[in-house]
Amino acid sequence: MQVTIYTTTTCPYCKMLKTFLGEHNVQYKEKLVDQDDAAREEMMKESGGFLGVPYSIVMTESGQKEKIIGFDKGKFTEVLGITE
């Protein structure tokens, strides 16, 4: 499973998401859209122009691409198969 999160340096929800993923030992690739123009363009292309963060893409083992807007703990738990 591959997790990519698009974040900014000042977003409190991005920090919450990173803490949540860390607590569940989920490895992720972070792309800072406020510091990297290419990352911002990539996020806009993936999201259809959406600019809110955090914006995440989870590529599942079956090759399905799950897109998650914001820090939706329930959606992340479901998509990543986290049991609490």
PDB file of N, CA and C in Angstrom:
ATOM      1  N   MET A   1       0.842  -1.167   0.000  1.00  0.00           N
ATOM      2  CA  MET A   1       0.000   0.000   0.000  1.00  0.00           C
ATOM      3  C   MET A   1       0.895   1.240   0.000  1.00  0.00           C
ATOM      4  N   GLN A   2       0.534   2.213  -0.798  1.00  0.00           N
ATOM      5  CA  GLN A   2       1.322   3.434  -0.903  1.00  0.00           C
ATOM      6  C   GLN A   2       0.434   4.620  -0.528  1.00  0.00           C
ATOM      7  N   VAL A   3       0.902   5.429   0.427  1.00  0.00           N
ATOM      8  CA  VAL A   3       0.134   6.575   0.899  1.00  0.00           C
ATOM      9  C   VAL A   3       0.913   7.848   0.582  1.00  0.00           C
ATOM     10  N   THR A   4       0.261   8.770  -0.119  1.00  0.00           N
ATOM     11  CA  THR A   4       0.841  10.083  -0.408  1.00  0.00           C
ATOM     12  C   THR A   4      -0.070  11.128   0.199  1.00  0.00           C
ATOM     13  N   ILE A   5       0.510  12.031   0.995  1.00  0.00           N
ATOM     14  CA  ILE A   5      -0.281  13.103   1.581  1.00  0.00           C
ATOM     15  C   ILE A   5       0.263  14.453   1.118  1.00  0.00           C
ATOM     16  N   TYR A   6      -0.654  15.302   0.694  1.00  0.00           N
ATOM     17  CA  TYR A   6      -0.319  16.663   0.287  1.00  0.00           C
ATOM     18  C   TYR A   6      -0.658  17.568   1.467  1.00  0.00           C
ATOM     19  N   THR A   7       0.337  18.326   1.927  1.00  0.00           N
ATOM     20  CA  THR A   7       0.179  19.121   3.137  1.00  0.00           C
ATOM     21  C   THR A   7       0.792  20.508   2.960  1.00  0.00           C
ATOM     22  N   THR A   8       0.599  21.336   4.001  1.00  0.00           N
ATOM     23  CA  THR A   8       1.328  22.599   4.102  1.00  0.00           C
ATOM     24  C   THR A   8       2.027  22.617   5.464  1.00  0.00           C
ATOM     25  N   THR A   9       2.974  23.510   5.619  1.00  0.00           N
ATOM     26  CA  THR A   9       3.751  23.569   6.855  1.00  0.00           C
ATOM     27  C   THR A   9       2.944  24.108   8.030  1.00  0.00           C
ATOM     28  N   THR A  10       1.850  24.821   7.769  1.00  0.00           N
ATOM     29  CA  THR A  10       1.099  25.465   8.849  1.00  0.00           C
ATOM     30  C   THR A  10      -0.261  24.823   9.147  1.00  0.00           C
ATOM     31  N   CYS A  11      -0.621  23.781   8.459  1.00  0.00           N
ATOM     32  CA  CYS A  11      -1.955  23.179   8.577  1.00  0.00           C
ATOM     33  C   CYS A  11      -2.060  22.286   9.816  1.00  0.00           C
ATOM     34  N   PRO A  12      -2.949  22.636  10.771  1.00  0.00           N
ATOM     35  CA  PRO A  12      -3.091  21.797  11.976  1.00  0.00           C
ATOM     36  C   PRO A  12      -3.682  20.418  11.670  1.00  0.00           C
ATOM     37  N   TYR A  13      -4.560  20.330  10.673  1.00  0.00           N
ATOM     38  CA  TYR A  13      -5.140  19.027  10.319  1.00  0.00           C
ATOM     39  C   TYR A  13      -4.109  18.120   9.666  1.00  0.00           C
ATOM     40  N   CYS A  14      -3.163  18.718   8.964  1.00  0.00           N
ATOM     41  CA  CYS A  14      -2.067  17.937   8.374  1.00  0.00           C
ATOM     42  C   CYS A  14      -1.222  17.325   9.481  1.00  0.00           C
ATOM     43  N   LYS A  15      -0.940  18.111  10.523  1.00  0.00           N
ATOM     44  CA  LYS A  15      -0.170  17.602  11.659  1.00  0.00           C
ATOM     45  C   LYS A  15      -0.929  16.467  12.346  1.00  0.00           C
ATOM     46  N   MET A  16      -2.236  16.623  12.505  1.00  0.00           N
ATOM     47  CA  MET A  16      -3.052  15.574  13.121  1.00  0.00           C
ATOM     48  C   MET A  16      -3.009  14.296  12.286  1.00  0.00           C
ATOM     49  N   LEU A  17      -3.089  14.436  10.970  1.00  0.00           N
ATOM     50  CA  LEU A  17      -3.041  13.280  10.079  1.00  0.00           C
ATOM     51  C   LEU A  17      -1.703  12.566  10.199  1.00  0.00           C
ATOM     52  N   LYS A  18      -0.613  13.325  10.186  1.00  0.00           N
ATOM     53  CA  LYS A  18       0.718  12.715  10.282  1.00  0.00           C
ATOM     54  C   LYS A  18       0.894  11.996  11.620  1.00  0.00           C
ATOM     55  N   THR A  19       0.367  12.572  12.693  1.00  0.00           N
ATOM     56  CA  THR A  19       0.425  11.933  14.009  1.00  0.00           C
ATOM     57  C   THR A  19      -0.377  10.631  13.985  1.00  0.00           C
ATOM     58  N   PHE A  20      -1.581  10.679  13.432  1.00  0.00           N
ATOM     59  CA  PHE A  20      -2.438   9.498  13.340  1.00  0.00           C
ATOM     60  C   PHE A  20      -1.743   8.385  12.554  1.00  0.00           C
ATOM     61  N   LEU A  21      -1.192   8.720  11.393  1.00  0.00           N
ATOM     62  CA  LEU A  21      -0.514   7.709  10.578  1.00  0.00           C
ATOM     63  C   LEU A  21       0.691   7.136  11.315  1.00  0.00           C
ATOM     64  N   GLY A  22       1.437   8.002  11.992  1.00  0.00           N
ATOM     65  CA  GLY A  22       2.601   7.549  12.758  1.00  0.00           C
ATOM     66  C   GLY A  22       2.214   6.610  13.894  1.00  0.00           C
ATOM     67  N   GLU A  23       1.116   6.926  14.589  1.00  0.00           N
ATOM     68  CA  GLU A  23       0.650   6.076  15.681  1.00  0.00           C
ATOM     69  C   GLU A  23       0.262   4.685  15.211  1.00  0.00           C
ATOM     70  N   HIS A  24      -0.113   4.572  13.940  1.00  0.00           N
ATOM     71  CA  HIS A  24      -0.530   3.286  13.379  1.00  0.00           C
ATOM     72  C   HIS A  24       0.527   2.689  12.453  1.00  0.00           C
ATOM     73  N   ASN A  25       1.747   3.225  12.557  1.00  0.00           N
ATOM     74  CA  ASN A  25       2.897   2.717  11.796  1.00  0.00           C
ATOM     75  C   ASN A  25       2.630   2.657  10.294  1.00  0.00           C
ATOM     76  N   VAL A  26       1.921   3.660   9.786  1.00  0.00           N
ATOM     77  CA  VAL A  26       1.650   3.746   8.356  1.00  0.00           C
ATOM     78  C   VAL A  26       2.710   4.644   7.735  1.00  0.00           C
ATOM     79  N   GLN A  27       3.476   4.085   6.821  1.00  0.00           N
ATOM     80  CA  GLN A  27       4.473   4.892   6.125  1.00  0.00           C
ATOM     81  C   GLN A  27       3.783   5.689   5.031  1.00  0.00           C
ATOM     82  N   TYR A  28       4.252   6.912   4.831  1.00  0.00           N
ATOM     83  CA  TYR A  28       3.648   7.785   3.837  1.00  0.00           C
ATOM     84  C   TYR A  28       4.704   8.679   3.208  1.00  0.00           C
ATOM     85  N   LYS A  29       4.353   9.186   2.055  1.00  0.00           N
ATOM     86  CA  LYS A  29       5.194  10.161   1.371  1.00  0.00           C
ATOM     87  C   LYS A  29       4.482  11.505   1.487  1.00  0.00           C
ATOM     88  N   GLU A  30       5.175  12.495   2.012  1.00  0.00           N
ATOM     89  CA  GLU A  30       4.580  13.821   2.204  1.00  0.00           C
ATOM     90  C   GLU A  30       5.063  14.767   1.110  1.00  0.00           C
ATOM     91  N   LYS A  31       4.122  15.539   0.580  1.00  0.00           N
ATOM     92  CA  LYS A  31       4.455  16.545  -0.418  1.00  0.00           C
ATOM     93  C   LYS A  31       3.917  17.890   0.078  1.00  0.00           C
ATOM     94  N   LEU A  32       4.827  18.826   0.301  1.00  0.00           N
ATOM     95  CA  LEU A  32       4.471  20.141   0.829  1.00  0.00           C
ATOM     96  C   LEU A  32       4.078  21.080  -0.304  1.00  0.00           C
ATOM     97  N   VAL A  33       2.792  21.321  -0.432  1.00  0.00           N
ATOM     98  CA  VAL A  33       2.308  22.120  -1.562  1.00  0.00           C
ATOM     99  C   VAL A  33       2.562  23.616  -1.386  1.00  0.00           C
ATOM    100  N   ASP A  34       2.898  24.048  -0.161  1.00  0.00           N
ATOM    101  CA  ASP A  34       3.216  25.461   0.038  1.00  0.00           C
ATOM    102  C   ASP A  34       4.692  25.770  -0.214  1.00  0.00           C
ATOM    103  N   GLN A  35       5.486  24.735  -0.462  1.00  0.00           N
ATOM    104  CA  GLN A  35       6.914  24.932  -0.721  1.00  0.00           C
ATOM    105  C   GLN A  35       7.369  24.339  -2.054  1.00  0.00           C
ATOM    106  N   ASP A  36       6.515  23.561  -2.680  1.00  0.00           N
ATOM    107  CA  ASP A  36       6.898  22.835  -3.894  1.00  0.00           C
ATOM    108  C   ASP A  36       5.826  23.035  -4.967  1.00  0.00           C
ATOM    109  N   ASP A  37       6.152  23.864  -5.958  1.00  0.00           N
ATOM    110  CA  ASP A  37       5.190  24.163  -7.029  1.00  0.00           C
ATOM    111  C   ASP A  37       4.775  22.905  -7.788  1.00  0.00           C
ATOM    112  N   ALA A  38       5.720  21.997  -8.010  1.00  0.00           N
ATOM    113  CA  ALA A  38       5.404  20.762  -8.737  1.00  0.00           C
ATOM    114  C   ALA A  38       4.418  19.911  -7.937  1.00  0.00           C
ATOM    115  N   ALA A  39       4.591  19.860  -6.621  1.00  0.00           N
ATOM    116  CA  ALA A  39       3.670  19.101  -5.769  1.00  0.00           C
ATOM    117  C   ALA A  39       2.280  19.728  -5.805  1.00  0.00           C
ATOM    118  N   ARG A  40       2.218  21.049  -5.789  1.00  0.00           N
ATOM    119  CA  ARG A  40       0.918  21.733  -5.845  1.00  0.00           C
ATOM    120  C   ARG A  40       0.225  21.452  -7.171  1.00  0.00           C
ATOM    121  N   GLU A  41       0.950  21.498  -8.263  1.00  0.00           N
ATOM    122  CA  GLU A  41       0.384  21.190  -9.586  1.00  0.00           C
ATOM    123  C   GLU A  41      -0.091  19.740  -9.648  1.00  0.00           C
ATOM    124  N   GLU A  42       0.703  18.847  -9.099  1.00  0.00           N
ATOM    125  CA  GLU A  42       0.343  17.423  -9.082  1.00  0.00           C
ATOM    126  C   GLU A  42      -0.948  17.209  -8.290  1.00  0.00           C
ATOM    127  N   MET A  43      -1.056  17.866  -7.131  1.00  0.00           N
ATOM    128  CA  MET A  43      -2.257  17.743  -6.308  1.00  0.00           C
ATOM    129  C   MET A  43      -3.475  18.293  -7.046  1.00  0.00           C
ATOM    130  N   MET A  44      -3.321  19.422  -7.692  1.00  0.00           N
ATOM    131  CA  MET A  44      -4.434  20.018  -8.436  1.00  0.00           C
ATOM    132  C   MET A  44      -4.903  19.080  -9.544  1.00  0.00           C
ATOM    133  N   LYS A  45      -3.966  18.443 -10.224  1.00  0.00           N
ATOM    134  CA  LYS A  45      -4.308  17.511 -11.299  1.00  0.00           C
ATOM    135  C   LYS A  45      -5.055  16.296 -10.742  1.00  0.00           C
ATOM    136  N   GLU A  46      -4.546  15.739  -9.631  1.00  0.00           N
ATOM    137  CA  GLU A  46      -5.159  14.561  -9.015  1.00  0.00           C
ATOM    138  C   GLU A  46      -6.544  14.854  -8.451  1.00  0.00           C
ATOM    139  N   SER A  47      -6.706  16.076  -7.908  1.00  0.00           N
ATOM    140  CA  SER A  47      -7.933  16.410  -7.191  1.00  0.00           C
ATOM    141  C   SER A  47      -8.970  17.127  -8.039  1.00  0.00           C
ATOM    142  N   GLY A  48      -8.632  17.419  -9.290  1.00  0.00           N
ATOM    143  CA  GLY A  48      -9.561  18.158 -10.138  1.00  0.00           C
ATOM    144  C   GLY A  48      -9.628  19.638  -9.779  1.00  0.00           C
ATOM    145  N   GLY A  49      -8.528  20.169  -9.250  1.00  0.00           N
ATOM    146  CA  GLY A  49      -8.447  21.590  -8.931  1.00  0.00           C
ATOM    147  C   GLY A  49      -8.649  21.917  -7.467  1.00  0.00           C
ATOM    148  N   PHE A  50      -8.893  20.924  -6.638  1.00  0.00           N
ATOM    149  CA  PHE A  50      -9.085  21.144  -5.209  1.00  0.00           C
ATOM    150  C   PHE A  50      -7.768  21.578  -4.578  1.00  0.00           C
ATOM    151  N   LEU A  51      -7.810  22.609  -3.726  1.00  0.00           N
ATOM    152  CA  LEU A  51      -6.583  23.103  -3.104  1.00  0.00           C
ATOM    153  C   LEU A  51      -6.542  22.948  -1.590  1.00  0.00           C
ATOM    154  N   GLY A  52      -7.554  22.334  -0.990  1.00  0.00           N
ATOM    155  CA  GLY A  52      -7.554  22.154   0.458  1.00  0.00           C
ATOM    156  C   GLY A  52      -6.604  21.050   0.881  1.00  0.00           C
ATOM    157  N   VAL A  53      -6.036  21.207   2.073  1.00  0.00           N
ATOM    158  CA  VAL A  53      -5.138  20.198   2.634  1.00  0.00           C
ATOM    159  C   VAL A  53      -5.631  19.802   4.017  1.00  0.00           C
ATOM    160  N   PRO A  54      -5.310  18.616   4.483  1.00  0.00           N
ATOM    161  CA  PRO A  54      -4.566  17.600   3.758  1.00  0.00           C
ATOM    162  C   PRO A  54      -5.414  16.933   2.670  1.00  0.00           C
ATOM    163  N   TYR A  55      -4.747  16.539   1.635  1.00  0.00           N
ATOM    164  CA  TYR A  55      -5.361  15.775   0.551  1.00  0.00           C
ATOM    165  C   TYR A  55      -4.492  14.533   0.391  1.00  0.00           C
ATOM    166  N   SER A  56      -5.107  13.371   0.418  1.00  0.00           N
ATOM    167  CA  SER A  56      -4.337  12.134   0.428  1.00  0.00           C
ATOM    168  C   SER A  56      -4.787  11.171  -0.659  1.00  0.00           C
ATOM    169  N   ILE A  57      -3.822  10.410  -1.128  1.00  0.00           N
ATOM    170  CA  ILE A  57      -4.091   9.359  -2.104  1.00  0.00           C
ATOM    171  C   ILE A  57      -3.497   8.063  -1.556  1.00  0.00           C
ATOM    172  N   VAL A  58      -4.345   7.048  -1.478  1.00  0.00           N
ATOM    173  CA  VAL A  58      -3.902   5.730  -1.024  1.00  0.00           C
ATOM    174  C   VAL A  58      -4.036   4.775  -2.199  1.00  0.00           C
ATOM    175  N   MET A  59      -2.919   4.218  -2.610  1.00  0.00           N
ATOM    176  CA  MET A  59      -2.922   3.178  -3.640  1.00  0.00           C
ATOM    177  C   MET A  59      -2.969   1.840  -2.903  1.00  0.00           C
ATOM    178  N   THR A  60      -4.077   1.125  -3.058  1.00  0.00           N
ATOM    179  CA  THR A  60      -4.245  -0.138  -2.351  1.00  0.00           C
ATOM    180  C   THR A  60      -3.466  -1.249  -3.052  1.00  0.00           C
ATOM    181  N   GLU A  61      -3.363  -2.371  -2.373  1.00  0.00           N
ATOM    182  CA  GLU A  61      -2.648  -3.532  -2.930  1.00  0.00           C
ATOM    183  C   GLU A  61      -3.297  -4.005  -4.231  1.00  0.00           C
ATOM    184  N   SER A  62      -4.607  -3.797  -4.351  1.00  0.00           N
ATOM    185  CA  SER A  62      -5.314  -4.228  -5.560  1.00  0.00           C
ATOM    186  C   SER A  62      -5.183  -3.219  -6.703  1.00  0.00           C
ATOM    187  N   GLY A  63      -4.474  -2.116  -6.451  1.00  0.00           N
ATOM    188  CA  GLY A  63      -4.273  -1.114  -7.491  1.00  0.00           C
ATOM    189  C   GLY A  63      -5.340  -0.036  -7.529  1.00  0.00           C
ATOM    190  N   GLN A  64      -6.253  -0.070  -6.585  1.00  0.00           N
ATOM    191  CA  GLN A  64      -7.314   0.939  -6.524  1.00  0.00           C
ATOM    192  C   GLN A  64      -6.765   2.207  -5.881  1.00  0.00           C
ATOM    193  N   LYS A  65      -7.167   3.350  -6.428  1.00  0.00           N
ATOM    194  CA  LYS A  65      -6.727   4.643  -5.913  1.00  0.00           C
ATOM    195  C   LYS A  65      -7.856   5.256  -5.092  1.00  0.00           C
ATOM    196  N   GLU A  66      -7.611   5.420  -3.793  1.00  0.00           N
ATOM    197  CA  GLU A  66      -8.574   6.046  -2.880  1.00  0.00           C
ATOM    198  C   GLU A  66      -8.109   7.466  -2.603  1.00  0.00           C
ATOM    199  N   LYS A  67      -8.974   8.425  -2.838  1.00  0.00           N
ATOM    200  CA  LYS A  67      -8.647   9.824  -2.581  1.00  0.00           C
ATOM    201  C   LYS A  67      -9.418  10.284  -1.352  1.00  0.00           C
ATOM    202  N   ILE A  68      -8.703  10.909  -0.417  1.00  0.00           N
ATOM    203  CA  ILE A  68      -9.310  11.327   0.842  1.00  0.00           C
ATOM    204  C   ILE A  68      -9.061  12.817   1.053  1.00  0.00           C
ATOM    205  N   ILE A  69     -10.152  13.553   1.230  1.00  0.00           N
ATOM    206  CA  ILE A  69     -10.069  14.993   1.469  1.00  0.00           C
ATOM    207  C   ILE A  69     -10.106  15.237   2.970  1.00  0.00           C
ATOM    208  N   GLY A  70      -9.156  16.038   3.457  1.00  0.00           N
ATOM    209  CA  GLY A  70      -9.112  16.385   4.872  1.00  0.00           C
ATOM    210  C   GLY A  70      -8.617  15.235   5.733  1.00  0.00           C
ATOM    211  N   PHE A  71      -8.698  15.439   7.045  1.00  0.00           N
ATOM    212  CA  PHE A  71      -8.326  14.389   7.988  1.00  0.00           C
ATOM    213  C   PHE A  71      -9.599  13.659   8.383  1.00  0.00           C
ATOM    214  N   ASP A  72      -9.983  12.714   7.547  1.00  0.00           N
ATOM    215  CA  ASP A  72     -11.187  11.905   7.757  1.00  0.00           C
ATOM    216  C   ASP A  72     -10.735  10.595   8.410  1.00  0.00           C
ATOM    217  N   LYS A  73     -10.690  10.613   9.746  1.00  0.00           N
ATOM    218  CA  LYS A  73     -10.172   9.471  10.498  1.00  0.00           C
ATOM    219  C   LYS A  73     -10.912   8.180  10.144  1.00  0.00           C
ATOM    220  N   GLY A  74     -12.226   8.261  10.017  1.00  0.00           N
ATOM    221  CA  GLY A  74     -13.012   7.078   9.680  1.00  0.00           C
ATOM    222  C   GLY A  74     -12.650   6.508   8.325  1.00  0.00           C
ATOM    223  N   LYS A  75     -12.479   7.370   7.351  1.00  0.00           N
ATOM    224  CA  LYS A  75     -12.128   6.927   5.993  1.00  0.00           C
ATOM    225  C   LYS A  75     -10.727   6.312   5.982  1.00  0.00           C
ATOM    226  N   PHE A  76      -9.770   6.955   6.672  1.00  0.00           N
ATOM    227  CA  PHE A  76      -8.416   6.397   6.730  1.00  0.00           C
ATOM    228  C   PHE A  76      -8.428   5.035   7.418  1.00  0.00           C
ATOM    229  N   THR A  77      -9.177   4.917   8.500  1.00  0.00           N
ATOM    230  CA  THR A  77      -9.263   3.650   9.226  1.00  0.00           C
ATOM    231  C   THR A  77      -9.803   2.554   8.318  1.00  0.00           C
ATOM    232  N   GLU A  78     -10.844   2.889   7.556  1.00  0.00           N
ATOM    233  CA  GLU A  78     -11.449   1.935   6.633  1.00  0.00           C
ATOM    234  C   GLU A  78     -10.494   1.549   5.505  1.00  0.00           C
ATOM    235  N   VAL A  79      -9.955   2.541   4.819  1.00  0.00           N
ATOM    236  CA  VAL A  79      -9.103   2.290   3.650  1.00  0.00           C
ATOM    237  C   VAL A  79      -7.808   1.569   4.017  1.00  0.00           C
ATOM    238  N   LEU A  80      -7.221   1.936   5.165  1.00  0.00           N
ATOM    239  CA  LEU A  80      -5.957   1.353   5.571  1.00  0.00           C
ATOM    240  C   LEU A  80      -6.121   0.078   6.393  1.00  0.00           C
ATOM    241  N   GLY A  81      -7.360  -0.280   6.733  1.00  0.00           N
ATOM    242  CA  GLY A  81      -7.605  -1.495   7.495  1.00  0.00           C
ATOM    243  C   GLY A  81      -7.104  -1.408   8.934  1.00  0.00           C
ATOM    244  N   ILE A  82      -7.192  -0.221   9.507  1.00  0.00           N
ATOM    245  CA  ILE A  82      -6.717  -0.005  10.880  1.00  0.00           C
ATOM    246  C   ILE A  82      -7.805  -0.460  11.854  1.00  0.00           C
ATOM    247  N   THR A  83      -7.397  -1.230  12.849  1.00  0.00           N
ATOM    248  CA  THR A  83      -8.320  -1.624  13.913  1.00  0.00           C
ATOM    249  C   THR A  83      -7.861  -0.960  15.192  1.00  0.00           C
ATOM    250  N   GLU A  84      -8.803  -0.308  15.859  1.00  0.00           N
ATOM    251  CA  GLU A  84      -8.440   0.415  17.086  1.00  0.00           C
ATOM    252  C   GLU A  84      -9.003  -0.258  18.298  1.00  0.00           C
TER     253      GLU A  84
END
